[in-house]
Amino acid sequence: MPSFIFSPAARQDLLEIWQYISEESPENAIKVLDSIEQKCSIERQSTLPV
């Protein structure tokens, strides 16, 4: 499976998203980040040459 790398700014954004959501629901914060990572992986796979 192809990998991807988040830029430092993107990693900071993800941290801030997690912190904001986790104030109400740490479990949902993890789910949101997992979903973002999954979608990035799917997008990366769809852009690979055949």
Protein backbone atom coordinates (compact mmCIF):
# COMPACT_ATOMS: atom_id res chain seq x y z
CA MET A 1 0.00 0.00 0.00
CA PRO A 2 1.40 3.41 -0.89
CA SER A 3 2.30 5.70 1.93
CA PHE A 4 1.85 9.42 2.26
CA ILE A 5 3.51 12.10 4.36
CA PHE A 6 1.73 15.01 6.00
CA SER A 7 3.60 18.31 5.92
CA PRO A 8 4.43 19.91 9.28
CA ALA A 9 1.60 22.42 8.78
CA ALA A 10 -0.87 19.65 7.98
CA ARG A 11 0.23 17.68 11.05
CA GLN A 12 -0.34 20.78 13.19
CA ASP A 13 -3.79 21.21 11.65
CA LEU A 14 -4.63 17.58 12.41
CA LEU A 15 -3.47 18.02 15.99
CA GLU A 16 -5.67 21.08 16.39
CA ILE A 17 -8.64 19.24 14.88
CA TRP A 18 -8.07 16.35 17.28
CA GLN A 19 -7.77 18.68 20.28
CA TYR A 20 -10.98 20.52 19.39
CA ILE A 21 -13.07 17.38 18.88
CA SER A 22 -11.56 15.55 21.85
CA GLU A 23 -12.85 18.22 24.22
CA GLU A 24 -16.29 16.69 23.68
CA SER A 25 -15.40 13.17 22.59
CA PRO A 26 -11.89 11.69 22.48
CA GLU A 27 -13.30 8.60 20.76
CA ASN A 28 -14.80 10.67 17.94
CA ALA A 29 -11.58 12.65 17.59
CA ILE A 30 -9.70 9.43 16.87
CA LYS A 31 -12.38 8.32 14.41
CA VAL A 32 -12.15 11.62 12.52
CA LEU A 33 -8.36 11.42 12.20
CA ASP A 34 -8.56 7.78 11.13
CA SER A 35 -11.11 8.76 8.48
CA ILE A 36 -8.90 11.58 7.20
CA GLU A 37 -5.89 9.25 6.96
CA GLN A 38 -7.98 6.60 5.19
CA LYS A 39 -9.29 9.09 2.64
CA CYS A 40 -5.77 10.39 1.99
CA SER A 41 -4.60 6.84 1.38
CA ILE A 42 -7.48 6.15 -1.03
CA GLU A 43 -6.80 9.42 -2.87
CA ARG A 44 -3.10 8.56 -3.12
CA GLN A 45 -3.90 5.14 -4.57
CA SER A 46 -6.23 6.62 -7.16
CA THR A 47 -3.52 8.99 -8.43
CA LEU A 48 -0.88 6.30 -9.05
CA PRO A 49 -0.12 5.53 -12.69
CA VAL A 50 -1.46 2.23 -13.97
